[in-house]
Amino acid sequence: MLQSVDVMVEQMPHAAGLPLPAYVTAGSAGLDLTAAIDGSITLAPGERALVPTGLRIAVPPGFEAQVRARSGLSLQRGLGVPNAPGTIDSDYRGEVGVLLINWSAERQTIWRGDRIAQLVVAPVVRVSWAPCEHLPPSDRGSGGFGHSGVQRLETTQDGVKDGGVP
């Protein structure tokens, strides 16, 4: 059973006529956010813009809203969210904006009402620090950033077999 949470939403005047974020399929994790702009915005290669959604939300305490890229927009047009996931805290009451970047080699235009990102609401766990003199050991230890090497899988006509670079 899916958990449900009520999130209050205010549609600002410049979002008039645009739909509220909605799940596209029954299995969707994210709600699609749309661009609440007049006309269009064109991004040159490498250019970023904060695109307004015309929405203000009240995320309940114990939750956050995450702004994430839409995979199709990233694949097909090279548009992404450079700070993904962008976090909207439960005490933020300003307009939800989407920081978009054009990672493609061509100019990209965003039009009013385009679906530009996804919004995922998720629970948040608070940390209580437990100061100590030494951390307990682990199998991994302090290794990070590529410490486990690169592993490639080689394919054959019979299937997949291990191989690669240590």
C-alpha atoms as a PDB file:
ATOM      1  CA  MET A   1       0.000   0.000   0.000  1.00  0.00           C
ATOM      2  CA  LEU A   2       1.348   3.420  -0.947  1.00  0.00           C
ATOM      3  CA  GLN A   3       1.747   6.033   1.764  1.00  0.00           C
ATOM      4  CA  SER A   4      -0.144   9.275   1.129  1.00  0.00           C
ATOM      5  CA  VAL A   5       0.527  12.750   2.513  1.00  0.00           C
ATOM      6  CA  ASP A   6      -1.510  15.936   2.138  1.00  0.00           C
ATOM      7  CA  VAL A   7       0.470  18.865   0.706  1.00  0.00           C
ATOM      8  CA  MET A   8      -1.183  22.260   0.535  1.00  0.00           C
ATOM      9  CA  VAL A   9      -0.628  24.048  -2.796  1.00  0.00           C
ATOM     10  CA  GLU A  10      -1.229  27.642  -3.863  1.00  0.00           C
ATOM     11  CA  GLN A  11      -1.367  28.422  -7.567  1.00  0.00           C
ATOM     12  CA  MET A  12       0.024  31.911  -8.172  1.00  0.00           C
ATOM     13  CA  PRO A  13      -1.554  34.309 -10.722  1.00  0.00           C
ATOM     14  CA  HIS A  14       1.117  33.666 -13.394  1.00  0.00           C
ATOM     15  CA  ALA A  15       0.200  29.940 -13.318  1.00  0.00           C
ATOM     16  CA  ALA A  16      -3.463  30.588 -14.140  1.00  0.00           C
ATOM     17  CA  GLY A  17      -4.750  28.025 -16.613  1.00  0.00           C
ATOM     18  CA  LEU A  18      -1.905  25.557 -15.999  1.00  0.00           C
ATOM     19  CA  PRO A  19      -2.708  22.175 -14.436  1.00  0.00           C
ATOM     20  CA  LEU A  20      -1.604  21.301 -10.923  1.00  0.00           C
ATOM     21  CA  PRO A  21       1.241  18.770 -10.827  1.00  0.00           C
ATOM     22  CA  ALA A  22      -0.078  15.273 -11.433  1.00  0.00           C
ATOM     23  CA  TYR A  23       1.130  11.691 -11.599  1.00  0.00           C
ATOM     24  CA  VAL A  24       1.136  10.532 -15.237  1.00  0.00           C
ATOM     25  CA  THR A  25       0.765   6.821 -14.450  1.00  0.00           C
ATOM     26  CA  ALA A  26      -0.344   4.778 -11.443  1.00  0.00           C
ATOM     27  CA  GLY A  27       3.288   3.794 -10.799  1.00  0.00           C
ATOM     28  CA  SER A  28       4.810   7.277 -11.142  1.00  0.00           C
ATOM     29  CA  ALA A  29       6.935   8.412  -8.189  1.00  0.00           C
ATOM     30  CA  GLY A  30       7.049  12.043  -9.301  1.00  0.00           C
ATOM     31  CA  LEU A  31       4.484  14.661 -10.208  1.00  0.00           C
ATOM     32  CA  ASP A  32       5.243  16.675 -13.338  1.00  0.00           C
ATOM     33  CA  LEU A  33       6.029  20.379 -12.819  1.00  0.00           C
ATOM     34  CA  THR A  34       5.260  22.807 -15.633  1.00  0.00           C
ATOM     35  CA  ALA A  35       6.833  26.096 -16.720  1.00  0.00           C
ATOM     36  CA  ALA A  36       4.722  29.082 -15.601  1.00  0.00           C
ATOM     37  CA  ILE A  37       6.277  31.593 -17.965  1.00  0.00           C
ATOM     38  CA  ASP A  38       4.944  34.090 -20.491  1.00  0.00           C
ATOM     39  CA  GLY A  39       5.808  32.810 -23.937  1.00  0.00           C
ATOM     40  CA  SER A  40       9.141  31.025 -23.852  1.00  0.00           C
ATOM     41  CA  ILE A  41      12.709  30.929 -22.558  1.00  0.00           C
ATOM     42  CA  THR A  42      15.597  29.892 -24.800  1.00  0.00           C
ATOM     43  CA  LEU A  43      18.769  28.489 -23.272  1.00  0.00           C
ATOM     44  CA  ALA A  44      22.068  28.536 -25.123  1.00  0.00           C
ATOM     45  CA  PRO A  45      24.393  25.548 -24.699  1.00  0.00           C
ATOM     46  CA  GLY A  46      25.685  25.549 -21.109  1.00  0.00           C
ATOM     47  CA  GLU A  47      23.221  28.242 -20.006  1.00  0.00           C
ATOM     48  CA  ARG A  48      21.115  27.923 -16.842  1.00  0.00           C
ATOM     49  CA  ALA A  49      17.804  29.502 -15.890  1.00  0.00           C
ATOM     50  CA  LEU A  50      15.537  29.427 -12.863  1.00  0.00           C
ATOM     51  CA  VAL A  51      12.158  28.549 -14.362  1.00  0.00           C
ATOM     52  CA  PRO A  52       9.111  29.465 -12.259  1.00  0.00           C
ATOM     53  CA  THR A  53       6.316  26.939 -11.714  1.00  0.00           C
ATOM     54  CA  GLY A  54       3.770  29.368 -10.276  1.00  0.00           C
ATOM     55  CA  LEU A  55       3.307  27.098  -7.264  1.00  0.00           C
ATOM     56  CA  ARG A  56       3.852  27.580  -3.563  1.00  0.00           C
ATOM     57  CA  ILE A  57       3.569  24.486  -1.393  1.00  0.00           C
ATOM     58  CA  ALA A  58       3.457  23.648   2.309  1.00  0.00           C
ATOM     59  CA  VAL A  59       5.329  20.371   2.754  1.00  0.00           C
ATOM     60  CA  PRO A  60       4.370  18.822   6.107  1.00  0.00           C
ATOM     61  CA  PRO A  61       7.027  18.517   8.832  1.00  0.00           C
ATOM     62  CA  GLY A  62       8.891  15.230   8.521  1.00  0.00           C
ATOM     63  CA  PHE A  63       8.874  15.415   4.709  1.00  0.00           C
ATOM     64  CA  GLU A  64      10.739  17.187   1.914  1.00  0.00           C
ATOM     65  CA  ALA A  65       9.897  17.771  -1.729  1.00  0.00           C
ATOM     66  CA  GLN A  66      12.621  16.908  -4.222  1.00  0.00           C
ATOM     67  CA  VAL A  67      12.878  18.546  -7.651  1.00  0.00           C
ATOM     68  CA  ARG A  68      14.330  16.079 -10.138  1.00  0.00           C
ATOM     69  CA  ALA A  69      15.055  16.010 -13.855  1.00  0.00           C
ATOM     70  CA  ARG A  70      12.647  14.410 -16.288  1.00  0.00           C
ATOM     71  CA  SER A  71      14.587  11.594 -17.939  1.00  0.00           C
ATOM     72  CA  GLY A  72      13.014  12.080 -21.375  1.00  0.00           C
ATOM     73  CA  LEU A  73      13.811  15.798 -21.364  1.00  0.00           C
ATOM     74  CA  SER A  74      17.420  15.013 -20.456  1.00  0.00           C
ATOM     75  CA  LEU A  75      17.796  12.281 -23.070  1.00  0.00           C
ATOM     76  CA  GLN A  76      15.943  13.899 -25.948  1.00  0.00           C
ATOM     77  CA  ARG A  77      16.860  17.565 -25.484  1.00  0.00           C
ATOM     78  CA  GLY A  78      19.856  17.646 -23.125  1.00  0.00           C
ATOM     79  CA  LEU A  79      17.992  19.653 -20.466  1.00  0.00           C
ATOM     80  CA  GLY A  80      18.662  18.759 -16.848  1.00  0.00           C
ATOM     81  CA  VAL A  81      18.508  19.919 -13.251  1.00  0.00           C
ATOM     82  CA  PRO A  82      22.115  20.568 -12.145  1.00  0.00           C
ATOM     83  CA  ASN A  83      21.376  20.501  -8.414  1.00  0.00           C
ATOM     84  CA  ALA A  84      19.166  17.402  -8.604  1.00  0.00           C
ATOM     85  CA  PRO A  85      17.590  16.569  -6.424  1.00  0.00           C
ATOM     86  CA  GLY A  86      16.848  20.093  -5.314  1.00  0.00           C
ATOM     87  CA  THR A  87      15.308  20.067  -1.842  1.00  0.00           C
ATOM     88  CA  ILE A  88      12.243  22.027  -0.790  1.00  0.00           C
ATOM     89  CA  ASP A  89      12.190  22.082   3.017  1.00  0.00           C
ATOM     90  CA  SER A  90       8.975  21.838   5.021  1.00  0.00           C
ATOM     91  CA  ASP A  91       9.309  25.440   6.229  1.00  0.00           C
ATOM     92  CA  TYR A  92       9.852  27.014   2.775  1.00  0.00           C
ATOM     93  CA  ARG A  93       6.861  29.004   1.493  1.00  0.00           C
ATOM     94  CA  GLY A  94       8.254  30.699  -1.613  1.00  0.00           C
ATOM     95  CA  GLU A  95       7.593  29.809  -5.212  1.00  0.00           C
ATOM     96  CA  VAL A  96       8.883  26.451  -6.428  1.00  0.00           C
ATOM     97  CA  GLY A  97      11.456  27.123  -9.122  1.00  0.00           C
ATOM     98  CA  VAL A  98      13.295  24.657 -11.329  1.00  0.00           C
ATOM     99  CA  LEU A  99      16.957  25.309 -12.089  1.00  0.00           C
ATOM    100  CA  LEU A 100      17.376  24.032 -15.653  1.00  0.00           C
ATOM    101  CA  ILE A 101      20.622  23.711 -17.584  1.00  0.00           C
ATOM    102  CA  ASN A 102      21.104  23.099 -21.284  1.00  0.00           C
ATOM    103  CA  TRP A 103      23.748  20.389 -21.533  1.00  0.00           C
ATOM    104  CA  SER A 104      23.160  19.964 -25.275  1.00  0.00           C
ATOM    105  CA  ALA A 105      25.173  21.567 -28.084  1.00  0.00           C
ATOM    106  CA  GLU A 106      22.077  23.363 -29.441  1.00  0.00           C
ATOM    107  CA  ARG A 107      19.814  26.156 -28.218  1.00  0.00           C
ATOM    108  CA  GLN A 108      16.767  24.753 -26.395  1.00  0.00           C
ATOM    109  CA  THR A 109      13.437  26.525 -25.953  1.00  0.00           C
ATOM    110  CA  ILE A 110      11.044  25.976 -23.047  1.00  0.00           C
ATOM    111  CA  TRP A 111       7.453  27.061 -23.640  1.00  0.00           C
ATOM    112  CA  ARG A 112       4.688  27.947 -21.180  1.00  0.00           C
ATOM    113  CA  GLY A 113       3.141  24.746 -19.855  1.00  0.00           C
ATOM    114  CA  ASP A 114       6.068  22.470 -20.820  1.00  0.00           C
ATOM    115  CA  ARG A 115       6.679  19.696 -18.316  1.00  0.00           C
ATOM    116  CA  ILE A 116      10.159  20.622 -17.053  1.00  0.00           C
ATOM    117  CA  ALA A 117      10.842  18.524 -13.937  1.00  0.00           C
ATOM    118  CA  GLN A 118       9.391  16.086 -11.441  1.00  0.00           C
ATOM    119  CA  LEU A 119       8.450  16.681  -7.824  1.00  0.00           C
ATOM    120  CA  VAL A 120       8.868  13.776  -5.396  1.00  0.00           C
ATOM    121  CA  VAL A 121       7.699  14.083  -1.784  1.00  0.00           C
ATOM    122  CA  ALA A 122       9.696  11.893   0.611  1.00  0.00           C
ATOM    123  CA  PRO A 123      10.061  11.363   4.361  1.00  0.00           C
ATOM    124  CA  VAL A 124      13.018  12.914   6.155  1.00  0.00           C
ATOM    125  CA  VAL A 125      14.904  11.358   9.056  1.00  0.00           C
ATOM    126  CA  ARG A 126      16.517  13.716  11.593  1.00  0.00           C
ATOM    127  CA  VAL A 127      20.058  13.008  12.795  1.00  0.00           C
ATOM    128  CA  SER A 128      21.077  12.829  16.432  1.00  0.00           C
ATOM    129  CA  TRP A 129      24.873  12.912  16.556  1.00  0.00           C
ATOM    130  CA  ALA A 130      26.554  10.311  18.774  1.00  0.00           C
ATOM    131  CA  PRO A 131      30.094  11.626  19.402  1.00  0.00           C
ATOM    132  CA  CYS A 132      32.716   8.905  19.841  1.00  0.00           C
ATOM    133  CA  GLU A 133      36.485   8.450  20.025  1.00  0.00           C
ATOM    134  CA  HIS A 134      36.672   5.859  17.197  1.00  0.00           C
ATOM    135  CA  LEU A 135      34.204   4.573  14.652  1.00  0.00           C
ATOM    136  CA  PRO A 136      33.521   0.835  14.516  1.00  0.00           C
ATOM    137  CA  PRO A 137      35.369  -0.959  11.691  1.00  0.00           C
ATOM    138  CA  SER A 138      33.684  -2.001   8.444  1.00  0.00           C
ATOM    139  CA  ASP A 139      34.663  -4.205   5.516  1.00  0.00           C
ATOM    140  CA  ARG A 140      35.007  -1.134   3.291  1.00  0.00           C
ATOM    141  CA  GLY A 141      36.929   1.066   5.696  1.00  0.00           C
ATOM    142  CA  SER A 142      37.811   4.524   4.372  1.00  0.00           C
ATOM    143  CA  GLY A 143      37.934   3.598   0.679  1.00  0.00           C
ATOM    144  CA  GLY A 144      35.949   5.843  -1.628  1.00  0.00           C
ATOM    145  CA  PHE A 145      35.815   7.423  -5.078  1.00  0.00           C
ATOM    146  CA  GLY A 146      36.705   4.412  -7.200  1.00  0.00           C
ATOM    147  CA  HIS A 147      38.339   2.319  -4.497  1.00  0.00           C
ATOM    148  CA  SER A 148      36.656  -0.834  -5.803  1.00  0.00           C
ATOM    149  CA  GLY A 149      38.073  -0.459  -9.335  1.00  0.00           C
ATOM    150  CA  VAL A 150      36.295  -0.735 -12.682  1.00  0.00           C
ATOM    151  CA  GLN A 151      34.472  -3.911 -13.652  1.00  0.00           C
ATOM    152  CA  ARG A 152      33.345  -4.584 -17.207  1.00  0.00           C
ATOM    153  CA  LEU A 153      31.053  -7.356 -18.321  1.00  0.00           C
ATOM    154  CA  GLU A 154      31.935  -9.058 -21.587  1.00  0.00           C
ATOM    155  CA  THR A 155      29.157 -10.543 -23.663  1.00  0.00           C
ATOM    156  CA  THR A 156      29.385 -13.655 -25.752  1.00  0.00           C
ATOM    157  CA  GLN A 157      26.904 -15.415 -28.007  1.00  0.00           C
ATOM    158  CA  ASP A 158      26.119 -17.686 -25.060  1.00  0.00           C
ATOM    159  CA  GLY A 159      25.362 -14.827 -22.675  1.00  0.00           C
ATOM    160  CA  VAL A 160      27.323 -12.664 -20.279  1.00  0.00           C
ATOM    161  CA  LYS A 161      30.568 -13.590 -18.548  1.00  0.00           C
ATOM    162  CA  ASP A 162      32.730 -11.710 -16.073  1.00  0.00           C
ATOM    163  CA  GLY A 163      35.796  -9.980 -17.304  1.00  0.00           C
ATOM    164  CA  GLY A 164      37.342  -6.610 -17.118  1.00  0.00           C
ATOM    165  CA  VAL A 165      39.784  -4.342 -15.508  1.00  0.00           C
ATOM    166  CA  PRO A 166      40.735  -4.633 -11.811  1.00  0.00           C
END
